[in-house]
Amino acid sequence: MADTKWFIYVVENRLGMTYCGICTDLARRFHEHASNSKRCAKALRGKGPLKLKFAAQMEGHSNALKTEYWFKKQSKTAKLKIINGEVNLPSNPIKVSPIQLQNLQSTVEERISKNASSEN
């Protein structure tokens, strides 16, 4: 069985609240959240614009789930330190660079605006 890449990610909504999740395709998942699709997390629905604040590649689904669970138990201060790179996640994952996150977010926003303009 091939090793699937898993990502843990943190999204911030317009209210400054964070949402943590895991996925295998970061661009697809962020697009689902940002476009308010049927697959958007209820916690994020209608609270855009969203900002992809942090992402890291994990080794396997189990490790990603355990790290997500651990992250969600942290205090807001601890979460912000992880997002800002002051503290590492316990499993030492491969972090996605801020430039890559910004590029991914820009790409998703462009796709959403193209879809919105084509519907009008």
PDB file of N, CA and C in Angstrom:
ATOM      1  N   MET A   1       0.835  -1.173   0.000  1.00  0.00           N
ATOM      2  CA  MET A   1       0.000   0.000   0.000  1.00  0.00           C
ATOM      3  C   MET A   1       0.885   1.243   0.000  1.00  0.00           C
ATOM      4  N   ALA A   2       0.609   2.162  -0.891  1.00  0.00           N
ATOM      5  CA  ALA A   2       1.427   3.365  -1.031  1.00  0.00           C
ATOM      6  C   ALA A   2       1.214   4.292   0.155  1.00  0.00           C
ATOM      7  N   ASP A   3       2.298   4.967   0.556  1.00  0.00           N
ATOM      8  CA  ASP A   3       2.205   5.948   1.632  1.00  0.00           C
ATOM      9  C   ASP A   3       1.536   7.208   1.115  1.00  0.00           C
ATOM     10  N   THR A   4       0.391   7.530   1.675  1.00  0.00           N
ATOM     11  CA  THR A   4      -0.330   8.736   1.301  1.00  0.00           C
ATOM     12  C   THR A   4       0.176   9.878   2.161  1.00  0.00           C
ATOM     13  N   LYS A   5       0.386  11.039   1.542  1.00  0.00           N
ATOM     14  CA  LYS A   5       0.797  12.217   2.293  1.00  0.00           C
ATOM     15  C   LYS A   5      -0.416  12.783   3.017  1.00  0.00           C
ATOM     16  N   TRP A   6      -0.266  13.028   4.276  1.00  0.00           N
ATOM     17  CA  TRP A   6      -1.318  13.648   5.079  1.00  0.00           C
ATOM     18  C   TRP A   6      -0.816  14.999   5.560  1.00  0.00           C
ATOM     19  N   PHE A   7      -1.737  15.930   5.646  1.00  0.00           N
ATOM     20  CA  PHE A   7      -1.404  17.268   6.114  1.00  0.00           C
ATOM     21  C   PHE A   7      -2.262  17.621   7.309  1.00  0.00           C
ATOM     22  N   ILE A   8      -1.667  18.323   8.244  1.00  0.00           N
ATOM     23  CA  ILE A   8      -2.430  18.979   9.296  1.00  0.00           C
ATOM     24  C   ILE A   8      -2.423  20.457   8.915  1.00  0.00           C
ATOM     25  N   TYR A   9      -3.554  21.122   9.073  1.00  0.00           N
ATOM     26  CA  TYR A   9      -3.619  22.523   8.672  1.00  0.00           C
ATOM     27  C   TYR A   9      -4.431  23.325   9.674  1.00  0.00           C
ATOM     28  N   VAL A  10      -4.174  24.628   9.698  1.00  0.00           N
ATOM     29  CA  VAL A  10      -4.911  25.534  10.568  1.00  0.00           C
ATOM     30  C   VAL A  10      -5.430  26.679   9.708  1.00  0.00           C
ATOM     31  N   VAL A  11      -6.730  26.924   9.798  1.00  0.00           N
ATOM     32  CA  VAL A  11      -7.396  27.998   9.066  1.00  0.00           C
ATOM     33  C   VAL A  11      -7.902  29.010  10.086  1.00  0.00           C
ATOM     34  N   GLU A  12      -7.769  30.288   9.748  1.00  0.00           N
ATOM     35  CA  GLU A  12      -8.301  31.347  10.606  1.00  0.00           C
ATOM     36  C   GLU A  12      -9.470  32.010   9.888  1.00  0.00           C
ATOM     37  N   ASN A  13     -10.568  32.254  10.616  1.00  0.00           N
ATOM     38  CA  ASN A  13     -11.716  32.918   9.998  1.00  0.00           C
ATOM     39  C   ASN A  13     -11.664  34.418  10.271  1.00  0.00           C
ATOM     40  N   ARG A  14     -12.625  35.146   9.748  1.00  0.00           N
ATOM     41  CA  ARG A  14     -12.614  36.614   9.875  1.00  0.00           C
ATOM     42  C   ARG A  14     -12.767  37.070  11.320  1.00  0.00           C
ATOM     43  N   LEU A  15     -13.239  36.184  12.196  1.00  0.00           N
ATOM     44  CA  LEU A  15     -13.412  36.519  13.607  1.00  0.00           C
ATOM     45  C   LEU A  15     -12.142  36.255  14.420  1.00  0.00           C
ATOM     46  N   GLY A  16     -11.106  35.719  13.745  1.00  0.00           N
ATOM     47  CA  GLY A  16      -9.840  35.423  14.420  1.00  0.00           C
ATOM     48  C   GLY A  16      -9.810  34.063  15.092  1.00  0.00           C
ATOM     49  N   MET A  17     -10.838  33.267  14.891  1.00  0.00           N
ATOM     50  CA  MET A  17     -10.876  31.930  15.476  1.00  0.00           C
ATOM     51  C   MET A  17     -10.169  30.946  14.552  1.00  0.00           C
ATOM     52  N   THR A  18      -9.541  29.934  15.144  1.00  0.00           N
ATOM     53  CA  THR A  18      -8.812  28.959  14.343  1.00  0.00           C
ATOM     54  C   THR A  18      -9.567  27.636  14.267  1.00  0.00           C
ATOM     55  N   TYR A  19      -9.344  26.956  13.140  1.00  0.00           N
ATOM     56  CA  TYR A  19      -9.914  25.635  12.897  1.00  0.00           C
ATOM     57  C   TYR A  19      -8.765  24.740  12.454  1.00  0.00           C
ATOM     58  N   CYS A  20      -8.655  23.576  13.058  1.00  0.00           N
ATOM     59  CA  CYS A  20      -7.595  22.630  12.717  1.00  0.00           C
ATOM     60  C   CYS A  20      -8.220  21.399  12.077  1.00  0.00           C
ATOM     61  N   GLY A  21      -7.582  20.897  11.036  1.00  0.00           N
ATOM     62  CA  GLY A  21      -8.061  19.690  10.385  1.00  0.00           C
ATOM     63  C   GLY A  21      -6.922  18.942   9.727  1.00  0.00           C
ATOM     64  N   ILE A  22      -7.242  17.772   9.169  1.00  0.00           N
ATOM     65  CA  ILE A  22      -6.258  16.988   8.420  1.00  0.00           C
ATOM     66  C   ILE A  22      -6.854  16.635   7.068  1.00  0.00           C
ATOM     67  N   CYS A  23      -5.972  16.410   6.093  1.00  0.00           N
ATOM     68  CA  CYS A  23      -6.430  16.054   4.746  1.00  0.00           C
ATOM     69  C   CYS A  23      -5.264  15.464   3.963  1.00  0.00           C
ATOM     70  N   THR A  24      -5.582  14.948   2.776  1.00  0.00           N
ATOM     71  CA  THR A  24      -4.536  14.440   1.890  1.00  0.00           C
ATOM     72  C   THR A  24      -4.238  15.406   0.753  1.00  0.00           C
ATOM     73  N   ASP A  25      -5.145  16.317   0.473  1.00  0.00           N
ATOM     74  CA  ASP A  25      -4.969  17.307  -0.593  1.00  0.00           C
ATOM     75  C   ASP A  25      -5.296  18.683  -0.019  1.00  0.00           C
ATOM     76  N   LEU A  26      -4.263  19.412   0.335  1.00  0.00           N
ATOM     77  CA  LEU A  26      -4.417  20.686   1.030  1.00  0.00           C
ATOM     78  C   LEU A  26      -5.159  21.718   0.186  1.00  0.00           C
ATOM     79  N   ALA A  27      -4.831  21.822  -1.088  1.00  0.00           N
ATOM     80  CA  ALA A  27      -5.482  22.808  -1.965  1.00  0.00           C
ATOM     81  C   ALA A  27      -6.975  22.508  -2.099  1.00  0.00           C
ATOM     82  N   ARG A  28      -7.316  21.244  -2.324  1.00  0.00           N
ATOM     83  CA  ARG A  28      -8.727  20.855  -2.455  1.00  0.00           C
ATOM     84  C   ARG A  28      -9.491  21.147  -1.179  1.00  0.00           C
ATOM     85  N   ARG A  29      -8.919  20.782  -0.039  1.00  0.00           N
ATOM     86  CA  ARG A  29      -9.614  20.952   1.230  1.00  0.00           C
ATOM     87  C   ARG A  29      -9.807  22.428   1.574  1.00  0.00           C
ATOM     88  N   PHE A  30      -8.774  23.243   1.339  1.00  0.00           N
ATOM     89  CA  PHE A  30      -8.925  24.669   1.626  1.00  0.00           C
ATOM     90  C   PHE A  30      -9.963  25.293   0.694  1.00  0.00           C
ATOM     91  N   HIS A  31      -9.997  24.838  -0.550  1.00  0.00           N
ATOM     92  CA  HIS A  31     -11.006  25.336  -1.489  1.00  0.00           C
ATOM     93  C   HIS A  31     -12.410  24.982  -0.998  1.00  0.00           C
ATOM     94  N   GLU A  32     -12.590  23.768  -0.479  1.00  0.00           N
ATOM     95  CA  GLU A  32     -13.891  23.356   0.042  1.00  0.00           C
ATOM     96  C   GLU A  32     -14.330  24.266   1.195  1.00  0.00           C
ATOM     97  N   HIS A  33     -13.384  24.598   2.056  1.00  0.00           N
ATOM     98  CA  HIS A  33     -13.701  25.486   3.176  1.00  0.00           C
ATOM     99  C   HIS A  33     -13.996  26.909   2.687  1.00  0.00           C
ATOM    100  N   ALA A  34     -13.103  27.441   1.877  1.00  0.00           N
ATOM    101  CA  ALA A  34     -13.194  28.844   1.468  1.00  0.00           C
ATOM    102  C   ALA A  34     -14.400  29.128   0.577  1.00  0.00           C
ATOM    103  N   SER A  35     -14.850  28.127  -0.176  1.00  0.00           N
ATOM    104  CA  SER A  35     -15.969  28.337  -1.091  1.00  0.00           C
ATOM    105  C   SER A  35     -17.323  28.027  -0.456  1.00  0.00           C
ATOM    106  N   ASN A  36     -17.319  27.661   0.828  1.00  0.00           N
ATOM    107  CA  ASN A  36     -18.550  27.287   1.530  1.00  0.00           C
ATOM    108  C   ASN A  36     -19.288  26.150   0.830  1.00  0.00           C
ATOM    109  N   SER A  37     -18.535  25.210   0.278  1.00  0.00           N
ATOM    110  CA  SER A  37     -19.154  24.071  -0.401  1.00  0.00           C
ATOM    111  C   SER A  37     -19.853  23.172   0.618  1.00  0.00           C
ATOM    112  N   LYS A  38     -20.519  22.158   0.122  1.00  0.00           N
ATOM    113  CA  LYS A  38     -21.204  21.211   1.003  1.00  0.00           C
ATOM    114  C   LYS A  38     -20.228  20.515   1.946  1.00  0.00           C
ATOM    115  N   ARG A  39     -18.975  20.419   1.525  1.00  0.00           N
ATOM    116  CA  ARG A  39     -17.964  19.742   2.326  1.00  0.00           C
ATOM    117  C   ARG A  39     -17.221  20.680   3.267  1.00  0.00           C
ATOM    118  N   CYS A  40     -17.647  21.928   3.337  1.00  0.00           N
ATOM    119  CA  CYS A  40     -17.044  22.906   4.246  1.00  0.00           C
ATOM    120  C   CYS A  40     -17.372  22.520   5.692  1.00  0.00           C
ATOM    121  N   ALA A  41     -16.404  22.674   6.580  1.00  0.00           N
ATOM    122  CA  ALA A  41     -16.652  22.392   7.994  1.00  0.00           C
ATOM    123  C   ALA A  41     -17.696  23.354   8.534  1.00  0.00           C
ATOM    124  N   LYS A  42     -18.609  22.847   9.325  1.00  0.00           N
ATOM    125  CA  LYS A  42     -19.676  23.694   9.877  1.00  0.00           C
ATOM    126  C   LYS A  42     -19.107  24.851  10.682  1.00  0.00           C
ATOM    127  N   ALA A  43     -17.992  24.629  11.335  1.00  0.00           N
ATOM    128  CA  ALA A  43     -17.377  25.676  12.153  1.00  0.00           C
ATOM    129  C   ALA A  43     -16.888  26.858  11.310  1.00  0.00           C
ATOM    130  N   LEU A  44     -16.673  26.641  10.018  1.00  0.00           N
ATOM    131  CA  LEU A  44     -16.156  27.699   9.140  1.00  0.00           C
ATOM    132  C   LEU A  44     -17.217  28.281   8.215  1.00  0.00           C
ATOM    133  N   ARG A  45     -18.339  27.604   8.094  1.00  0.00           N
ATOM    134  CA  ARG A  45     -19.373  28.015   7.141  1.00  0.00           C
ATOM    135  C   ARG A  45     -19.871  29.432   7.434  1.00  0.00           C
ATOM    136  N   GLY A  46     -19.781  30.296   6.423  1.00  0.00           N
ATOM    137  CA  GLY A  46     -20.279  31.662   6.536  1.00  0.00           C
ATOM    138  C   GLY A  46     -19.390  32.600   7.333  1.00  0.00           C
ATOM    139  N   LYS A  47     -18.177  32.147   7.660  1.00  0.00           N
ATOM    140  CA  LYS A  47     -17.299  32.973   8.479  1.00  0.00           C
ATOM    141  C   LYS A  47     -16.065  33.447   7.721  1.00  0.00           C
ATOM    142  N   GLY A  48     -16.153  33.455   6.385  1.00  0.00           N
ATOM    143  CA  GLY A  48     -15.039  33.887   5.555  1.00  0.00           C
ATOM    144  C   GLY A  48     -14.916  35.386   5.548  1.00  0.00           C
ATOM    145  N   PRO A  49     -13.858  35.924   4.988  1.00  0.00           N
ATOM    146  CA  PRO A  49     -12.811  35.185   4.280  1.00  0.00           C
ATOM    147  C   PRO A  49     -11.925  34.394   5.245  1.00  0.00           C
ATOM    148  N   LEU A  50     -11.422  33.284   4.740  1.00  0.00           N
ATOM    149  CA  LEU A  50     -10.573  32.404   5.533  1.00  0.00           C
ATOM    150  C   LEU A  50      -9.123  32.594   5.146  1.00  0.00           C
ATOM    151  N   LYS A  51      -8.250  32.347   6.106  1.00  0.00           N
ATOM    152  CA  LYS A  51      -6.818  32.467   5.867  1.00  0.00           C
ATOM    153  C   LYS A  51      -6.146  31.168   6.295  1.00  0.00           C
ATOM    154  N   LEU A  52      -5.356  30.593   5.414  1.00  0.00           N
ATOM    155  CA  LEU A  52      -4.603  29.390   5.727  1.00  0.00           C
ATOM    156  C   LEU A  52      -3.359  29.826   6.506  1.00  0.00           C
ATOM    157  N   LYS A  53      -3.329  29.536   7.793  1.00  0.00           N
ATOM    158  CA  LYS A  53      -2.280  30.054   8.666  1.00  0.00           C
ATOM    159  C   LYS A  53      -1.103  29.101   8.847  1.00  0.00           C
ATOM    160  N   PHE A  54      -1.347  27.789   8.746  1.00  0.00           N
ATOM    161  CA  PHE A  54      -0.297  26.813   9.040  1.00  0.00           C
ATOM    162  C   PHE A  54      -0.638  25.505   8.350  1.00  0.00           C
ATOM    163  N   ALA A  55       0.381  24.821   7.897  1.00  0.00           N
ATOM    164  CA  ALA A  55       0.209  23.474   7.357  1.00  0.00           C
ATOM    165  C   ALA A  55       1.527  22.725   7.487  1.00  0.00           C
ATOM    166  N   ALA A  56       1.425  21.423   7.696  1.00  0.00           N
ATOM    167  CA  ALA A  56       2.609  20.575   7.782  1.00  0.00           C
ATOM    168  C   ALA A  56       2.270  19.193   7.273  1.00  0.00           C
ATOM    169  N   GLN A  57       3.239  18.581   6.604  1.00  0.00           N
ATOM    170  CA  GLN A  57       3.061  17.225   6.072  1.00  0.00           C
ATOM    171  C   GLN A  57       3.391  16.219   7.163  1.00  0.00           C
ATOM    172  N   MET A  58       2.507  15.251   7.337  1.00  0.00           N
ATOM    173  CA  MET A  58       2.663  14.254   8.380  1.00  0.00           C
ATOM    174  C   MET A  58       2.988  12.887   7.792  1.00  0.00           C
ATOM    175  N   GLU A  59       3.519  12.014   8.639  1.00  0.00           N
ATOM    176  CA  GLU A  59       3.803  10.636   8.242  1.00  0.00           C
ATOM    177  C   GLU A  59       2.619   9.754   8.606  1.00  0.00           C
ATOM    178  N   GLY A  60       1.707   9.551   7.670  1.00  0.00           N
ATOM    179  CA  GLY A  60       0.603   8.628   7.865  1.00  0.00           C
ATOM    180  C   GLY A  60      -0.630   9.231   8.504  1.00  0.00           C
ATOM    181  N   HIS A  61      -1.749   8.568   8.269  1.00  0.00           N
ATOM    182  CA  HIS A  61      -3.050   9.010   8.757  1.00  0.00           C
ATOM    183  C   HIS A  61      -3.118   8.988  10.286  1.00  0.00           C
ATOM    184  N   SER A  62      -2.649   7.924  10.903  1.00  0.00           N
ATOM    185  CA  SER A  62      -2.704   7.790  12.351  1.00  0.00           C
ATOM    186  C   SER A  62      -1.938   8.923  13.029  1.00  0.00           C
ATOM    187  N   ASN A  63      -0.759   9.209  12.542  1.00  0.00           N
ATOM    188  CA  ASN A  63       0.051  10.286  13.108  1.00  0.00           C
ATOM    189  C   ASN A  63      -0.636  11.639  12.932  1.00  0.00           C
ATOM    190  N   ALA A  64      -1.263  11.839  11.777  1.00  0.00           N
ATOM    191  CA  ALA A  64      -1.978  13.100  11.526  1.00  0.00           C
ATOM    192  C   ALA A  64      -3.152  13.248  12.492  1.00  0.00           C
ATOM    193  N   LEU A  65      -3.908  12.172  12.711  1.00  0.00           N
ATOM    194  CA  LEU A  65      -5.039  12.212  13.637  1.00  0.00           C
ATOM    195  C   LEU A  65      -4.585  12.505  15.071  1.00  0.00           C
ATOM    196  N   LYS A  66      -3.518  11.854  15.488  1.00  0.00           N
ATOM    197  CA  LYS A  66      -3.006  12.063  16.843  1.00  0.00           C
ATOM    198  C   LYS A  66      -2.511  13.496  17.029  1.00  0.00           C
ATOM    199  N   THR A  67      -1.858  14.030  16.016  1.00  0.00           N
ATOM    200  CA  THR A  67      -1.353  15.397  16.096  1.00  0.00           C
ATOM    201  C   THR A  67      -2.494  16.401  16.095  1.00  0.00           C
ATOM    202  N   GLU A  68      -3.513  16.152  15.276  1.00  0.00           N
ATOM    203  CA  GLU A  68      -4.689  17.029  15.266  1.00  0.00           C
ATOM    204  C   GLU A  68      -5.355  17.031  16.644  1.00  0.00           C
ATOM    205  N   TYR A  69      -5.531  15.869  17.222  1.00  0.00           N
ATOM    206  CA  TYR A  69      -6.135  15.747  18.548  1.00  0.00           C
ATOM    207  C   TYR A  69      -5.304  16.513  19.572  1.00  0.00           C
ATOM    208  N   TRP A  70      -3.990  16.339  19.530  1.00  0.00           N
ATOM    209  CA  TRP A  70      -3.090  17.035  20.449  1.00  0.00           C
ATOM    210  C   TRP A  70      -3.199  18.546  20.269  1.00  0.00           C
ATOM    211  N   PHE A  71      -3.193  19.008  19.017  1.00  0.00           N
ATOM    212  CA  PHE A  71      -3.251  20.447  18.731  1.00  0.00           C
ATOM    213  C   PHE A  71      -4.539  21.055  19.287  1.00  0.00           C
ATOM    214  N   LYS A  72      -5.659  20.369  19.084  1.00  0.00           N
ATOM    215  CA  LYS A  72      -6.947  20.895  19.535  1.00  0.00           C
ATOM    216  C   LYS A  72      -7.037  21.017  21.054  1.00  0.00           C
ATOM    217  N   LYS A  73      -6.231  20.268  21.791  1.00  0.00           N
ATOM    218  CA  LYS A  73      -6.228  20.342  23.250  1.00  0.00           C
ATOM    219  C   LYS A  73      -5.358  21.490  23.783  1.00  0.00           C
ATOM    220  N   GLN A  74      -4.566  22.113  22.913  1.00  0.00           N
ATOM    221  CA  GLN A  74      -3.656  23.172  23.364  1.00  0.00           C
ATOM    222  C   GLN A  74      -4.414  24.468  23.636  1.00  0.00           C
ATOM    223  N   SER A  75      -3.808  25.322  24.452  1.00  0.00           N
ATOM    224  CA  SER A  75      -4.392  26.640  24.723  1.00  0.00           C
ATOM    225  C   SER A  75      -4.230  27.525  23.487  1.00  0.00           C
ATOM    226  N   LYS A  76      -4.982  28.607  23.445  1.00  0.00           N
ATOM    227  CA  LYS A  76      -4.880  29.529  22.310  1.00  0.00           C
ATOM    228  C   LYS A  76      -3.450  30.068  22.188  1.00  0.00           C
ATOM    229  N   THR A  77      -2.814  30.372  23.312  1.00  0.00           N
ATOM    230  CA  THR A  77      -1.442  30.876  23.314  1.00  0.00           C
ATOM    231  C   THR A  77      -0.487  29.846  22.703  1.00  0.00           C
ATOM    232  N   ALA A  78      -0.635  28.592  23.111  1.00  0.00           N
ATOM    233  CA  ALA A  78       0.219  27.529  22.573  1.00  0.00           C
ATOM    234  C   ALA A  78      -0.016  27.334  21.081  1.00  0.00           C
ATOM    235  N   LYS A  79      -1.290  27.393  20.655  1.00  0.00           N
ATOM    236  CA  LYS A  79      -1.605  27.247  19.233  1.00  0.00           C
ATOM    237  C   LYS A  79      -0.957  28.365  18.421  1.00  0.00           C
ATOM    238  N   LEU A  80      -1.020  29.588  18.926  1.00  0.00           N
ATOM    239  CA  LEU A  80      -0.407  30.720  18.211  1.00  0.00           C
ATOM    240  C   LEU A  80       1.101  30.559  18.112  1.00  0.00           C
ATOM    241  N   LYS A  81       1.740  30.017  19.147  1.00  0.00           N
ATOM    242  CA  LYS A  81       3.188  29.777  19.107  1.00  0.00           C
ATOM    243  C   LYS A  81       3.537  28.740  18.038  1.00  0.00           C
ATOM    244  N   ILE A  82       2.702  27.723  17.905  1.00  0.00           N
ATOM    245  CA  ILE A  82       2.924  26.703  16.871  1.00  0.00           C
ATOM    246  C   ILE A  82       2.737  27.326  15.490  1.00  0.00           C
ATOM    247  N   ILE A  83       1.659  28.082  15.315  1.00  0.00           N
ATOM    248  CA  ILE A  83       1.382  28.732  14.029  1.00  0.00           C
ATOM    249  C   ILE A  83       2.509  29.678  13.640  1.00  0.00           C
ATOM    250  N   ASN A  84       3.043  30.412  14.615  1.00  0.00           N
ATOM    251  CA  ASN A  84       4.113  31.384  14.351  1.00  0.00           C
ATOM    252  C   ASN A  84       5.498  30.744  14.264  1.00  0.00           C
ATOM    253  N   GLY A  85       5.589  29.436  14.470  1.00  0.00           N
ATOM    254  CA  GLY A  85       6.857  28.734  14.341  1.00  0.00           C
ATOM    255  C   GLY A  85       7.744  28.822  15.564  1.00  0.00           C
ATOM    256  N   GLU A  86       7.215  29.299  16.679  1.00  0.00           N
ATOM    257  CA  GLU A  86       8.003  29.410  17.909  1.00  0.00           C
ATOM    258  C   GLU A  86       8.127  28.067  18.613  1.00  0.00           C
ATOM    259  N   VAL A  87       7.152  27.183  18.382  1.00  0.00           N
ATOM    260  CA  VAL A  87       7.127  25.851  18.993  1.00  0.00           C
ATOM    261  C   VAL A  87       6.808  24.856  17.887  1.00  0.00           C
ATOM    262  N   ASN A  88       7.444  23.686  17.944  1.00  0.00           N
ATOM    263  CA  ASN A  88       7.195  22.647  16.943  1.00  0.00           C
ATOM    264  C   ASN A  88       6.083  21.703  17.388  1.00  0.00           C
ATOM    265  N   LEU A  89       5.448  21.076  16.413  1.00  0.00           N
ATOM    266  CA  LEU A  89       4.493  20.012  16.707  1.00  0.00           C
ATOM    267  C   LEU A  89       5.264  18.827  17.262  1.00  0.00           C
ATOM    268  N   PRO A  90       4.630  17.961  18.054  1.00  0.00           N
ATOM    269  CA  PRO A  90       5.360  16.866  18.705  1.00  0.00           C
ATOM    270  C   PRO A  90       5.977  15.851  17.760  1.00  0.00           C
ATOM    271  N   SER A  91       5.408  15.629  16.599  1.00  0.00           N
ATOM    272  CA  SER A  91       5.906  14.590  15.697  1.00  0.00           C
ATOM    273  C   SER A  91       6.933  15.111  14.695  1.00  0.00           C
ATOM    274  N   ASN A  92       7.329  16.377  14.807  1.00  0.00           N
ATOM    275  CA  ASN A  92       8.345  16.975  13.945  1.00  0.00           C
ATOM    276  C   ASN A  92       8.034  16.798  12.454  1.00  0.00           C
ATOM    277  N   PRO A  93       6.895  17.300  11.995  1.00  0.00           N
ATOM    278  CA  PRO A  93       6.506  17.148  10.588  1.00  0.00           C
ATOM    279  C   PRO A  93       7.261  18.112   9.677  1.00  0.00           C
ATOM    280  N   ILE A  94       7.062  17.950   8.376  1.00  0.00           N
ATOM    281  CA  ILE A  94       7.648  18.851   7.385  1.00  0.00           C
ATOM    282  C   ILE A  94       6.691  20.024   7.216  1.00  0.00           C
ATOM    283  N   LYS A  95       7.112  21.203   7.640  1.00  0.00           N
ATOM    284  CA  LYS A  95       6.240  22.378   7.570  1.00  0.00           C
ATOM    285  C   LYS A  95       6.141  22.892   6.137  1.00  0.00           C
ATOM    286  N   VAL A  96       4.973  23.395   5.792  1.00  0.00           N
ATOM    287  CA  VAL A  96       4.761  24.062   4.512  1.00  0.00           C
ATOM    288  C   VAL A  96       5.149  25.514   4.741  1.00  0.00           C
ATOM    289  N   SER A  97       5.977  26.061   3.859  1.00  0.00           N
ATOM    290  CA  SER A  97       6.486  27.418   4.058  1.00  0.00           C
ATOM    291  C   SER A  97       5.370  28.459   3.938  1.00  0.00           C
ATOM    292  N   PRO A  98       5.535  29.599   4.613  1.00  0.00           N
ATOM    293  CA  PRO A  98       4.539  30.676   4.510  1.00  0.00           C
ATOM    294  C   PRO A  98       4.306  31.135   3.068  1.00  0.00           C
ATOM    295  N   ILE A  99       5.336  31.126   2.251  1.00  0.00           N
ATOM    296  CA  ILE A  99       5.192  31.525   0.842  1.00  0.00           C
ATOM    297  C   ILE A  99       4.320  30.523   0.106  1.00  0.00           C
ATOM    298  N   GLN A 100       4.522  29.232   0.359  1.00  0.00           N
ATOM    299  CA  GLN A 100       3.694  28.200  -0.264  1.00  0.00           C
ATOM    300  C   GLN A 100       2.239  28.331   0.184  1.00  0.00           C
ATOM    301  N   LEU A 101       2.029  28.627   1.470  1.00  0.00           N
ATOM    302  CA  LEU A 101       0.670  28.814   1.974  1.00  0.00           C
ATOM    303  C   LEU A 101      -0.002  30.002   1.298  1.00  0.00           C
ATOM    304  N   GLN A 102       0.753  31.088   1.148  1.00  0.00           N
ATOM    305  CA  GLN A 102       0.213  32.296   0.505  1.00  0.00           C
ATOM    306  C   GLN A 102      -0.130  32.019  -0.956  1.00  0.00           C
ATOM    307  N   ASN A 103       0.745  31.312  -1.657  1.00  0.00           N
ATOM    308  CA  ASN A 103       0.487  30.964  -3.059  1.00  0.00           C
ATOM    309  C   ASN A 103      -0.745  30.072  -3.189  1.00  0.00           C
ATOM    310  N   LEU A 104      -0.868  29.094  -2.311  1.00  0.00           N
ATOM    311  CA  LEU A 104      -2.021  28.204  -2.336  1.00  0.00           C
ATOM    312  C   LEU A 104      -3.299  28.996  -2.065  1.00  0.00           C
ATOM    313  N   GLN A 105      -3.257  29.881  -1.080  1.00  0.00           N
ATOM    314  CA  GLN A 105      -4.436  30.684  -0.764  1.00  0.00           C
ATOM    315  C   GLN A 105      -4.822  31.580  -1.936  1.00  0.00           C
ATOM    316  N   SER A 106      -3.842  32.206  -2.585  1.00  0.00           N
ATOM    317  CA  SER A 106      -4.120  33.063  -3.744  1.00  0.00           C
ATOM    318  C   SER A 106      -4.754  32.269  -4.877  1.00  0.00           C
ATOM    319  N   THR A 107      -4.233  31.077  -5.126  1.00  0.00           N
ATOM    320  CA  THR A 107      -4.769  30.217  -6.179  1.00  0.00           C
ATOM    321  C   THR A 107      -6.224  29.862  -5.895  1.00  0.00           C
ATOM    322  N   VAL A 108      -6.519  29.494  -4.669  1.00  0.00           N
ATOM    323  CA  VAL A 108      -7.892  29.130  -4.294  1.00  0.00           C
ATOM    324  C   VAL A 108      -8.817  30.335  -4.424  1.00  0.00           C
ATOM    325  N   GLU A 109      -8.371  31.500  -3.959  1.00  0.00           N
ATOM    326  CA  GLU A 109      -9.197  32.708  -4.052  1.00  0.00           C
ATOM    327  C   GLU A 109      -9.491  33.066  -5.507  1.00  0.00           C
ATOM    328  N   GLU A 110      -8.501  32.892  -6.392  1.00  0.00           N
ATOM    329  CA  GLU A 110      -8.712  33.154  -7.819  1.00  0.00           C
ATOM    330  C   GLU A 110      -9.743  32.190  -8.395  1.00  0.00           C
ATOM    331  N   ARG A 111      -9.653  30.912  -8.030  1.00  0.00           N
ATOM    332  CA  ARG A 111     -10.618  29.915  -8.511  1.00  0.00           C
ATOM    333  C   ARG A 111     -12.027  30.256  -8.050  1.00  0.00           C
ATOM    334  N   ILE A 112     -12.147  30.688  -6.806  1.00  0.00           N
ATOM    335  CA  ILE A 112     -13.466  31.032  -6.266  1.00  0.00           C
ATOM    336  C   ILE A 112     -14.033  32.248  -6.980  1.00  0.00           C
ATOM    337  N   SER A 113     -13.199  33.271  -7.204  1.00  0.00           N
ATOM    338  CA  SER A 113     -13.697  34.484  -7.876  1.00  0.00           C
ATOM    339  C   SER A 113     -14.053  34.188  -9.337  1.00  0.00           C
ATOM    340  N   LYS A 114     -13.307  33.312 -10.002  1.00  0.00           N
ATOM    341  CA  LYS A 114     -13.647  32.922 -11.383  1.00  0.00           C
ATOM    342  C   LYS A 114     -14.977  32.191 -11.413  1.00  0.00           C
ATOM    343  N   ASN A 115     -15.180  31.291 -10.456  1.00  0.00           N
ATOM    344  CA  ASN A 115     -16.445  30.551 -10.386  1.00  0.00           C
ATOM    345  C   ASN A 115     -17.604  31.490 -10.101  1.00  0.00           C
ATOM    346  N   ALA A 116     -17.397  32.458  -9.227  1.00  0.00           N
ATOM    347  CA  ALA A 116     -18.458  33.412  -8.884  1.00  0.00           C
ATOM    348  C   ALA A 116     -18.804  34.302 -10.076  1.00  0.00           C
ATOM    349  N   SER A 117     -17.782  34.741 -10.820  1.00  0.00           N
ATOM    350  CA  SER A 117     -18.049  35.624 -11.969  1.00  0.00           C
ATOM    351  C   SER A 117     -18.680  34.859 -13.129  1.00  0.00           C
ATOM    352  N   SER A 118     -18.371  33.566 -13.258  1.00  0.00           N
ATOM    353  CA  SER A 118     -18.970  32.777 -14.334  1.00  0.00           C
ATOM    354  C   SER A 118     -20.434  32.434 -14.042  1.00  0.00           C
ATOM    355  N   GLU A 119     -20.798  32.434 -12.741  1.00  0.00           N
ATOM    356  CA  GLU A 119     -22.189  32.151 -12.380  1.00  0.00           C
ATOM    357  C   GLU A 119     -23.086  33.351 -12.599  1.00  0.00           C
ATOM    358  N   ASN A 120     -22.502  34.558 -12.584  1.00  0.00           N
ATOM    359  CA  ASN A 120     -23.308  35.785 -12.764  1.00  0.00           C
ATOM    360  C   ASN A 120     -23.581  36.113 -14.194  1.00  0.00           C
TER     361      ASN A 120
END
